C-alpha atoms as a PDB file:
ATOM      1  CA  UNK A   1     246.939 -37.042-106.326  1.00  0.00           C
ATOM      2  CA  UNK A   2     246.526 -40.647-107.488  1.00  0.00           C
ATOM      3  CA  UNK A   3     249.659 -42.378-108.792  1.00  0.00           C
ATOM      4  CA  UNK A   4     247.868 -45.402-110.244  1.00  0.00           C
ATOM      5  CA  UNK A   5     244.757 -47.520-109.776  1.00  0.00           C
ATOM      6  CA  UNK A   6     244.494 -51.318-109.551  1.00  0.00           C
ATOM      7  CA  UNK A   7     240.882 -52.371-110.063  1.00  0.00           C
ATOM      8  CA  UNK A   8     239.003 -50.279-107.456  1.00  0.00           C
ATOM      9  CA  UNK A   9     242.079 -49.554-105.284  1.00  0.00           C
ATOM     10  CA  UNK A  10     243.820 -46.203-105.802  1.00  0.00           C
ATOM     11  CA  UNK A  11     247.440 -45.705-104.759  1.00  0.00           C
ATOM     12  CA  UNK A  12     248.207 -42.072-103.914  1.00  0.00           C
ATOM     13  CA  UNK A  13     251.558 -40.394-104.331  1.00  0.00           C
ATOM     14  CA  UNK A  14     251.635 -39.352-100.681  1.00  0.00           C
ATOM     15  CA  UNK A  15     251.349 -43.037 -99.716  1.00  0.00           C
ATOM     16  CA  UNK A  16     254.298 -43.903-101.951  1.00  0.00           C
ATOM     17  CA  UNK A  17     256.313 -41.053-100.442  1.00  0.00           C
ATOM     18  CA  UNK A  18     255.480 -42.224 -96.920  1.00  0.00           C
ATOM     19  CA  UNK A  19     256.574 -45.768 -97.803  1.00  0.00           C
ATOM     20  CA  UNK A  20     259.894 -44.554 -99.235  1.00  0.00           C
ATOM     21  CA  UNK A  21     260.507 -42.346 -96.192  1.00  0.00           C
ATOM     22  CA  UNK A  22     259.831 -45.145 -93.707  1.00  0.00           C
ATOM     23  CA  UNK A  23     261.990 -47.641 -95.626  1.00  0.00           C
ATOM     24  CA  UNK A  24     264.971 -45.273 -95.799  1.00  0.00           C
ATOM     25  CA  UNK A  25     264.468 -44.320 -92.136  1.00  0.00           C
ATOM     26  CA  UNK A  26     264.287 -47.983 -91.026  1.00  0.00           C
ATOM     27  CA  UNK A  27     267.366 -49.194 -92.918  1.00  0.00           C
ATOM     28  CA  UNK A  28     269.424 -46.154 -91.927  1.00  0.00           C
ATOM     29  CA  UNK A  29     268.698 -46.573 -88.208  1.00  0.00           C
ATOM     30  CA  UNK A  30     269.101 -50.349 -88.464  1.00  0.00           C
ATOM     31  CA  UNK A  31     272.579 -49.811 -89.887  1.00  0.00           C
ATOM     32  CA  UNK A  32     273.519 -47.488 -87.026  1.00  0.00           C
ATOM     33  CA  UNK A  33     272.175 -49.884 -84.390  1.00  0.00           C
ATOM     34  CA  UNK A  34     273.782 -53.002 -85.874  1.00  0.00           C
ATOM     35  CA  UNK A  35     277.011 -51.775 -87.476  1.00  0.00           C
ATOM     36  CA  UNK A  36     278.279 -48.886 -85.340  1.00  0.00           C
ATOM     37  CA  UNK A  37     279.121 -48.278 -81.712  1.00  0.00           C
ATOM     38  CA  UNK A  38     276.937 -45.172 -81.455  1.00  0.00           C
ATOM     39  CA  UNK A  39     274.177 -47.105 -79.711  1.00  0.00           C
ATOM     40  CA  UNK A  40     274.552 -50.117 -77.430  1.00  0.00           C
ATOM     41  CA  UNK A  41     271.371 -52.219 -77.391  1.00  0.00           C
ATOM     42  CA  UNK A  42     271.458 -55.928 -76.623  1.00  0.00           C
ATOM     43  CA  UNK A  43     268.253 -57.173 -78.245  1.00  0.00           C
ATOM     44  CA  UNK A  44     268.670 -55.246 -81.483  1.00  0.00           C
ATOM     45  CA  UNK A  45     266.103 -57.042 -83.648  1.00  0.00           C
ATOM     46  CA  UNK A  46     263.330 -56.668 -81.079  1.00  0.00           C
ATOM     47  CA  UNK A  47     264.294 -53.031 -80.542  1.00  0.00           C
ATOM     48  CA  UNK A  48     264.038 -52.255 -84.267  1.00  0.00           C
ATOM     49  CA  UNK A  49     260.641 -53.986 -84.496  1.00  0.00           C
ATOM     50  CA  UNK A  50     259.351 -51.975 -81.540  1.00  0.00           C
ATOM     51  CA  UNK A  51     260.865 -48.765 -82.845  1.00  0.00           C
ATOM     52  CA  UNK A  52     259.083 -49.265 -86.156  1.00  0.00           C
ATOM     53  CA  UNK A  53     255.765 -49.986 -84.452  1.00  0.00           C
ATOM     54  CA  UNK A  54     256.032 -47.165 -81.896  1.00  0.00           C
ATOM     55  CA  UNK A  55     256.887 -44.558 -84.524  1.00  0.00           C
ATOM     56  CA  UNK A  56     255.025 -45.535 -87.699  1.00  0.00           C
ATOM     57  CA  UNK A  57     251.660 -46.120 -86.007  1.00  0.00           C
ATOM     58  CA  UNK A  58     251.857 -42.921 -83.974  1.00  0.00           C
ATOM     59  CA  UNK A  59     253.052 -40.853 -86.942  1.00  0.00           C
ATOM     60  CA  UNK A  60     250.271 -42.021 -89.245  1.00  0.00           C
ATOM     61  CA  UNK A  61     247.651 -41.505 -86.539  1.00  0.00           C
ATOM     62  CA  UNK A  62     248.745 -38.189 -85.089  1.00  0.00           C
ATOM     63  CA  UNK A  63     249.907 -36.532 -88.286  1.00  0.00           C
ATOM     64  CA  UNK A  64     246.243 -36.483 -89.217  1.00  0.00           C
ATOM     65  CA  UNK A  65     244.830 -35.865 -85.743  1.00  0.00           C
ATOM     66  CA  UNK A  66     247.276 -33.004 -85.223  1.00  0.00           C
ATOM     67  CA  UNK A  67     245.710 -31.211 -88.171  1.00  0.00           C
ATOM     68  CA  UNK A  68     242.222 -31.967 -86.851  1.00  0.00           C
ATOM     69  CA  UNK A  69     242.975 -30.595 -83.371  1.00  0.00           C
ATOM     70  CA  UNK A  70     245.239 -27.656 -84.168  1.00  0.00           C
ATOM     71  CA  UNK A  71     244.018 -26.316 -87.497  1.00  0.00           C
ATOM     72  CA  UNK A  72     240.418 -27.211 -88.325  1.00  0.00           C
ATOM     73  CA  UNK A  73     238.745 -28.562 -85.203  1.00  0.00           C
ATOM     74  CA  UNK A  74     235.354 -26.912 -85.744  1.00  0.00           C
ATOM     75  CA  UNK A  75     235.061 -28.357 -89.262  1.00  0.00           C
ATOM     76  CA  UNK A  76     235.831 -31.924 -88.134  1.00  0.00           C
ATOM     77  CA  UNK A  77     233.606 -31.527 -85.096  1.00  0.00           C
ATOM     78  CA  UNK A  78     230.677 -31.108 -87.481  1.00  0.00           C
ATOM     79  CA  UNK A  79     232.026 -33.616 -90.011  1.00  0.00           C
ATOM     80  CA  UNK A  80     233.654 -36.355 -87.886  1.00  0.00           C
ATOM     81  CA  UNK A  81     233.699 -38.930 -90.680  1.00  0.00           C
ATOM     82  CA  UNK A  82     236.090 -36.638 -92.576  1.00  0.00           C
ATOM     83  CA  UNK A  83     238.779 -37.363 -89.999  1.00  0.00           C
ATOM     84  CA  UNK A  84     239.297 -40.694 -91.744  1.00  0.00           C
ATOM     85  CA  UNK A  85     239.550 -39.166 -95.230  1.00  0.00           C
ATOM     86  CA  UNK A  86     243.347 -39.125 -95.098  1.00  0.00           C
ATOM     87  CA  UNK A  87     243.593 -38.776 -98.880  1.00  0.00           C
ATOM     88  CA  UNK A  88     242.122 -35.306 -98.553  1.00  0.00           C
ATOM     89  CA  UNK A  89     244.217 -32.304 -97.504  1.00  0.00           C
ATOM     90  CA  UNK A  90     245.121 -32.090 -93.830  1.00  0.00           C
ATOM     91  CA  UNK A  91     248.250 -33.363 -92.094  1.00  0.00           C
ATOM     92  CA  UNK A  92     250.179 -31.567 -89.349  1.00  0.00           C
ATOM     93  CA  UNK A  93     253.790 -32.195 -88.414  1.00  0.00           C
ATOM     94  CA  UNK A  94     253.155 -30.749 -84.935  1.00  0.00           C
ATOM     95  CA  UNK A  95     250.695 -33.516 -84.043  1.00  0.00           C
ATOM     96  CA  UNK A  96     253.053 -36.318 -85.050  1.00  0.00           C
ATOM     97  CA  UNK A  97     255.982 -34.534 -83.434  1.00  0.00           C
ATOM     98  CA  UNK A  98     254.345 -34.291 -79.998  1.00  0.00           C
ATOM     99  CA  UNK A  99     253.005 -37.815 -79.746  1.00  0.00           C
ATOM    100  CA  UNK A 100     255.960 -39.610 -81.314  1.00  0.00           C
ATOM    101  CA  UNK A 101     258.099 -37.996 -78.603  1.00  0.00           C
ATOM    102  CA  UNK A 102     255.748 -39.522 -76.034  1.00  0.00           C
ATOM    103  CA  UNK A 103     255.959 -42.972 -77.657  1.00  0.00           C
ATOM    104  CA  UNK A 104     259.764 -42.763 -77.753  1.00  0.00           C
ATOM    105  CA  UNK A 105     259.776 -42.083 -74.031  1.00  0.00           C
ATOM    106  CA  UNK A 106     257.810 -45.292 -73.471  1.00  0.00           C
ATOM    107  CA  UNK A 107     260.213 -47.171 -75.727  1.00  0.00           C
ATOM    108  CA  UNK A 108     263.267 -45.885 -73.845  1.00  0.00           C
ATOM    109  CA  UNK A 109     261.724 -47.034 -70.562  1.00  0.00           C
ATOM    110  CA  UNK A 110     261.033 -50.484 -71.957  1.00  0.00           C
ATOM    111  CA  UNK A 111     264.661 -51.002 -73.012  1.00  0.00           C
ATOM    112  CA  UNK A 112     266.157 -49.065 -70.092  1.00  0.00           C
ATOM    113  CA  UNK A 113     268.199 -46.785 -72.320  1.00  0.00           C
ATOM    114  CA  UNK A 114     268.565 -43.033 -72.429  1.00  0.00           C
ATOM    115  CA  UNK A 115     265.558 -41.234 -73.856  1.00  0.00           C
ATOM    116  CA  UNK A 116     267.862 -39.018 -75.892  1.00  0.00           C
ATOM    117  CA  UNK A 117     269.605 -42.026 -77.378  1.00  0.00           C
ATOM    118  CA  UNK A 118     266.305 -42.906 -79.038  1.00  0.00           C
ATOM    119  CA  UNK A 119     265.381 -39.348 -80.069  1.00  0.00           C
ATOM    120  CA  UNK A 120     268.855 -38.734 -81.503  1.00  0.00           C
ATOM    121  CA  UNK A 121     268.478 -41.876 -83.599  1.00  0.00           C
ATOM    122  CA  UNK A 122     265.131 -40.727 -84.950  1.00  0.00           C
ATOM    123  CA  UNK A 123     266.132 -37.186 -85.871  1.00  0.00           C
ATOM    124  CA  UNK A 124     269.393 -38.285 -87.517  1.00  0.00           C
ATOM    125  CA  UNK A 125     267.452 -39.260 -90.657  1.00  0.00           C
ATOM    126  CA  UNK A 126     264.071 -37.600 -90.008  1.00  0.00           C
ATOM    127  CA  UNK A 127     264.741 -34.613 -92.348  1.00  0.00           C
ATOM    128  CA  UNK A 128     264.797 -36.977 -95.336  1.00  0.00           C
ATOM    129  CA  UNK A 129     261.200 -38.096 -94.834  1.00  0.00           C
ATOM    130  CA  UNK A 130     259.993 -34.575 -94.134  1.00  0.00           C
ATOM    131  CA  UNK A 131     261.814 -33.326 -97.226  1.00  0.00           C
ATOM    132  CA  UNK A 132     259.792 -35.847 -99.264  1.00  0.00           C
ATOM    133  CA  UNK A 133     256.678 -34.401 -97.630  1.00  0.00           C
ATOM    134  CA  UNK A 134     257.459 -30.929 -98.969  1.00  0.00           C
ATOM    135  CA  UNK A 135     258.080 -32.369-102.446  1.00  0.00           C
ATOM    136  CA  UNK A 136     254.654 -33.990-102.170  1.00  0.00           C
ATOM    137  CA  UNK A 137     253.181 -30.577-101.249  1.00  0.00           C
ATOM    138  CA  UNK A 138     254.734 -29.166-104.419  1.00  0.00           C
ATOM    139  CA  UNK A 139     253.359 -31.932-106.647  1.00  0.00           C
ATOM    140  CA  UNK A 140     249.913 -31.627-105.063  1.00  0.00           C
ATOM    141  CA  UNK A 141     249.693 -27.816-105.315  1.00  0.00           C
ATOM    142  CA  UNK A 142     249.741 -27.168-101.560  1.00  0.00           C
ATOM    143  CA  UNK A 143     251.292 -24.641 -99.146  1.00  0.00           C
ATOM    144  CA  UNK A 144     251.967 -21.669-101.380  1.00  0.00           C
ATOM    145  CA  UNK A 145     253.952 -18.543-100.775  1.00  0.00           C
ATOM    146  CA  UNK A 146     252.166 -15.222-100.615  1.00  0.00           C
ATOM    147  CA  UNK A 147     251.635 -13.602-103.992  1.00  0.00           C
ATOM    148  CA  UNK A 148     254.708 -11.872-105.390  1.00  0.00           C
ATOM    149  CA  UNK A 149     255.382  -9.773-108.528  1.00  0.00           C
ATOM    150  CA  UNK A 150     255.601 -11.859-111.678  1.00  0.00           C
ATOM    151  CA  UNK A 151     258.697 -10.051-112.947  1.00  0.00           C
ATOM    152  CA  UNK A 152     260.895 -11.960-110.529  1.00  0.00           C
ATOM    153  CA  UNK A 153     262.868 -14.574-112.422  1.00  0.00           C
ATOM    154  CA  UNK A 154     262.978 -17.032-109.510  1.00  0.00           C
ATOM    155  CA  UNK A 155     259.272 -17.872-109.607  1.00  0.00           C
ATOM    156  CA  UNK A 156     257.294 -20.919-110.650  1.00  0.00           C
ATOM    157  CA  UNK A 157     253.879 -21.031-112.287  1.00  0.00           C
ATOM    158  CA  UNK A 158     251.649 -22.626-109.662  1.00  0.00           C
ATOM    159  CA  UNK A 159     247.994 -23.262-109.136  1.00  0.00           C
ATOM    160  CA  UNK A 160     246.759 -21.496-106.008  1.00  0.00           C
ATOM    161  CA  UNK A 161     243.263 -22.245-104.715  1.00  0.00           C
ATOM    162  CA  UNK A 162     241.616 -22.355-108.130  1.00  0.00           C
ATOM    163  CA  UNK A 163     243.422 -19.371-109.666  1.00  0.00           C
ATOM    164  CA  UNK A 164     246.700 -19.181-111.568  1.00  0.00           C
ATOM    165  CA  UNK A 165     249.335 -16.898-110.121  1.00  0.00           C
ATOM    166  CA  UNK A 166     253.047 -16.464-110.264  1.00  0.00           C
ATOM    167  CA  UNK A 167     254.294 -17.512-106.859  1.00  0.00           C
ATOM    168  CA  UNK A 168     257.624 -18.244-105.322  1.00  0.00           C
ATOM    169  CA  UNK A 169     257.674 -21.995-104.953  1.00  0.00           C
ATOM    170  CA  UNK A 170     257.337 -22.091-101.181  1.00  0.00           C
ATOM    171  CA  UNK A 171     257.342 -25.875-101.027  1.00  0.00           C
ATOM    172  CA  UNK A 172     260.754 -26.198-102.696  1.00  0.00           C
ATOM    173  CA  UNK A 173     262.292 -23.384-100.679  1.00  0.00           C
ATOM    174  CA  UNK A 174     260.940 -24.856 -97.438  1.00  0.00           C
ATOM    175  CA  UNK A 175     262.107 -28.322 -98.443  1.00  0.00           C
ATOM    176  CA  UNK A 176     265.641 -26.969 -98.771  1.00  0.00           C
ATOM    177  CA  UNK A 177     265.924 -24.732 -95.720  1.00  0.00           C
ATOM    178  CA  UNK A 178     263.791 -26.794 -93.336  1.00  0.00           C
ATOM    179  CA  UNK A 179     264.906 -30.274 -94.324  1.00  0.00           C
ATOM    180  CA  UNK A 180     267.484 -30.826 -97.072  1.00  0.00           C
ATOM    181  CA  UNK A 181     270.049 -28.469 -95.571  1.00  0.00           C
ATOM    182  CA  UNK A 182     269.401 -29.940 -92.119  1.00  0.00           C
ATOM    183  CA  UNK A 183     269.827 -33.477 -93.486  1.00  0.00           C
ATOM    184  CA  UNK A 184     273.251 -32.601 -94.889  1.00  0.00           C
ATOM    185  CA  UNK A 185     274.286 -30.995 -91.595  1.00  0.00           C
ATOM    186  CA  UNK A 186     273.137 -34.044 -89.642  1.00  0.00           C
ATOM    187  CA  UNK A 187     275.022 -36.523 -91.833  1.00  0.00           C
ATOM    188  CA  UNK A 188     278.174 -34.494 -91.368  1.00  0.00           C
ATOM    189  CA  UNK A 189     277.671 -34.423 -87.591  1.00  0.00           C
ATOM    190  CA  UNK A 190     276.835 -38.131 -87.374  1.00  0.00           C
ATOM    191  CA  UNK A 191     279.620 -39.561 -89.514  1.00  0.00           C
ATOM    192  CA  UNK A 192     282.381 -36.959 -89.182  1.00  0.00           C
ATOM    193  CA  UNK A 193     281.824 -35.549 -85.705  1.00  0.00           C
ATOM    194  CA  UNK A 194     280.343 -38.724 -84.138  1.00  0.00           C
ATOM    195  CA  UNK A 195     277.649 -36.620 -82.496  1.00  0.00           C
ATOM    196  CA  UNK A 196     275.497 -39.662 -81.671  1.00  0.00           C
ATOM    197  CA  UNK A 197     278.043 -40.477 -78.982  1.00  0.00           C
ATOM    198  CA  UNK A 198     277.006 -37.238 -77.258  1.00  0.00           C
ATOM    199  CA  UNK A 199     273.459 -37.775 -76.044  1.00  0.00           C
ATOM    200  CA  UNK A 200     270.729 -35.144 -76.629  1.00  0.00           C
ATOM    201  CA  UNK A 201     272.835 -32.778 -78.767  1.00  0.00           C
ATOM    202  CA  UNK A 202     271.390 -33.864 -82.112  1.00  0.00           C
ATOM    203  CA  UNK A 203     267.847 -33.629 -80.756  1.00  0.00           C
ATOM    204  CA  UNK A 204     268.566 -30.120 -79.458  1.00  0.00           C
ATOM    205  CA  UNK A 205     269.940 -28.973 -82.809  1.00  0.00           C
ATOM    206  CA  UNK A 206     266.905 -30.402 -84.574  1.00  0.00           C
ATOM    207  CA  UNK A 207     264.295 -28.684 -82.411  1.00  0.00           C
ATOM    208  CA  UNK A 208     266.071 -25.319 -82.213  1.00  0.00           C
ATOM    209  CA  UNK A 209     266.849 -25.262 -85.927  1.00  0.00           C
ATOM    210  CA  UNK A 210     263.458 -26.421 -87.144  1.00  0.00           C
ATOM    211  CA  UNK A 211     261.335 -24.262 -84.839  1.00  0.00           C
ATOM    212  CA  UNK A 212     263.375 -21.161 -85.769  1.00  0.00           C
ATOM    213  CA  UNK A 213     263.437 -21.720 -89.545  1.00  0.00           C
ATOM    214  CA  UNK A 214     259.776 -22.749 -89.684  1.00  0.00           C
ATOM    215  CA  UNK A 215     258.780 -19.685 -87.642  1.00  0.00           C
ATOM    216  CA  UNK A 216     260.598 -17.373 -90.087  1.00  0.00           C
ATOM    217  CA  UNK A 217     259.312 -19.013 -93.272  1.00  0.00           C
ATOM    218  CA  UNK A 218     255.723 -18.889 -92.009  1.00  0.00           C
ATOM    219  CA  UNK A 219     255.765 -15.098 -92.477  1.00  0.00           C
ATOM    220  CA  UNK A 220     255.783 -15.493 -96.239  1.00  0.00           C
ATOM    221  CA  UNK A 221     253.550 -18.548 -96.646  1.00  0.00           C
ATOM    222  CA  UNK A 222     249.935 -18.049 -97.679  1.00  0.00           C
ATOM    223  CA  UNK A 223     247.424 -18.844 -94.908  1.00  0.00           C
ATOM    224  CA  UNK A 224     243.620 -18.745 -94.829  1.00  0.00           C
ATOM    225  CA  UNK A 225     242.407 -15.982 -92.532  1.00  0.00           C
ATOM    226  CA  UNK A 226     241.265 -18.409 -89.825  1.00  0.00           C
ATOM    227  CA  UNK A 227     244.844 -19.728 -89.500  1.00  0.00           C
ATOM    228  CA  UNK A 228     246.042 -16.306 -88.354  1.00  0.00           C
ATOM    229  CA  UNK A 229     245.837 -15.518 -84.637  1.00  0.00           C
ATOM    230  CA  UNK A 230     247.083 -12.703 -82.404  1.00  0.00           C
ATOM    231  CA  UNK A 231     249.818 -10.314 -83.604  1.00  0.00           C
ATOM    232  CA  UNK A 232     249.338 -11.624 -87.163  1.00  0.00           C
ATOM    233  CA  UNK A 233     251.098 -14.878 -86.302  1.00  0.00           C
ATOM    234  CA  UNK A 234     249.891 -18.192 -87.688  1.00  0.00           C
ATOM    235  CA  UNK A 235     248.893 -21.255 -85.684  1.00  0.00           C
ATOM    236  CA  UNK A 236     252.114 -22.940 -86.804  1.00  0.00           C
ATOM    237  CA  UNK A 237     254.199 -20.050 -85.514  1.00  0.00           C
ATOM    238  CA  UNK A 238     252.631 -20.299 -82.073  1.00  0.00           C
ATOM    239  CA  UNK A 239     253.320 -24.032 -82.060  1.00  0.00           C
ATOM    240  CA  UNK A 240     256.953 -23.358 -82.987  1.00  0.00           C
ATOM    241  CA  UNK A 241     257.243 -20.863 -80.118  1.00  0.00           C
ATOM    242  CA  UNK A 242     255.877 -23.476 -77.709  1.00  0.00           C
ATOM    243  CA  UNK A 243     258.278 -26.168 -78.983  1.00  0.00           C
ATOM    244  CA  UNK A 244     261.213 -23.767 -78.723  1.00  0.00           C
ATOM    245  CA  UNK A 245     260.436 -22.660 -75.158  1.00  0.00           C
ATOM    246  CA  UNK A 246     259.782 -26.200 -73.918  1.00  0.00           C
ATOM    247  CA  UNK A 247     263.036 -27.452 -75.336  1.00  0.00           C
ATOM    248  CA  UNK A 248     265.041 -24.562 -73.913  1.00  0.00           C
ATOM    249  CA  UNK A 249     263.690 -25.504 -70.473  1.00  0.00           C
ATOM    250  CA  UNK A 250     264.576 -29.182 -71.099  1.00  0.00           C
ATOM    251  CA  UNK A 251     268.023 -28.221 -72.399  1.00  0.00           C
ATOM    252  CA  UNK A 252     268.840 -26.095 -69.350  1.00  0.00           C
ATOM    253  CA  UNK A 253     267.727 -28.910 -67.103  1.00  0.00           C
ATOM    254  CA  UNK A 254     269.927 -31.423 -68.980  1.00  0.00           C
ATOM    255  CA  UNK A 255     272.934 -29.129 -68.878  1.00  0.00           C
ATOM    256  CA  UNK A 256     272.614 -28.718 -65.131  1.00  0.00           C
ATOM    257  CA  UNK A 257     272.691 -32.493 -64.656  1.00  0.00           C
ATOM    258  CA  UNK A 258     275.737 -32.914 -66.815  1.00  0.00           C
END
């Protein structure tokens, strides 16, 4: 969806949303690094510059490539130029999630700080940007709930793949349970419970919460038939299972060392 056009250059709403998300994320983390004692980093300006580069570049690259690899590989294999058509539908949180975690590991090694110090910083405000993503899905008529009876009062008139149906507004419900509620919880934990002083706990809450809630909500989201795999589970649900299991293993390993 195009927000406005200047001469031949079109500015899309998703680009505006990304810009807002990154600005809020940057200034929030910058405040924590510079004004609180949650994180002790000596070269703070250089750290923030690197953090921005390590995350933004990897997010923009792998959010798209994650969709290409996990959801529609055969299509892009035959239409490789379409990989670069980022204004068309096709971004995957799982792709960005995996590779940003890798980049944060490299960043933690460079500054010789705890890996979970960096990941806790990132996830403390991450739900805000992802909440904006769900609002974008709503504005762009994407990610609908399965069809439900139109006599329910809590429905929204939505356009679903070329036909008009009454559908529960999946995007708004997901934006609340997956992200907005989590954002409120995180701000309470950060500022009232000082959880950033306890390494890895915020990251653990994020992964366990998100993988569980996303897995549940996937049962009622509409999916094309080729997105459904064994046992009637979607690709996203299998990815959530993998994230959950990996983090449980990491968590048990961390707990043993502490």
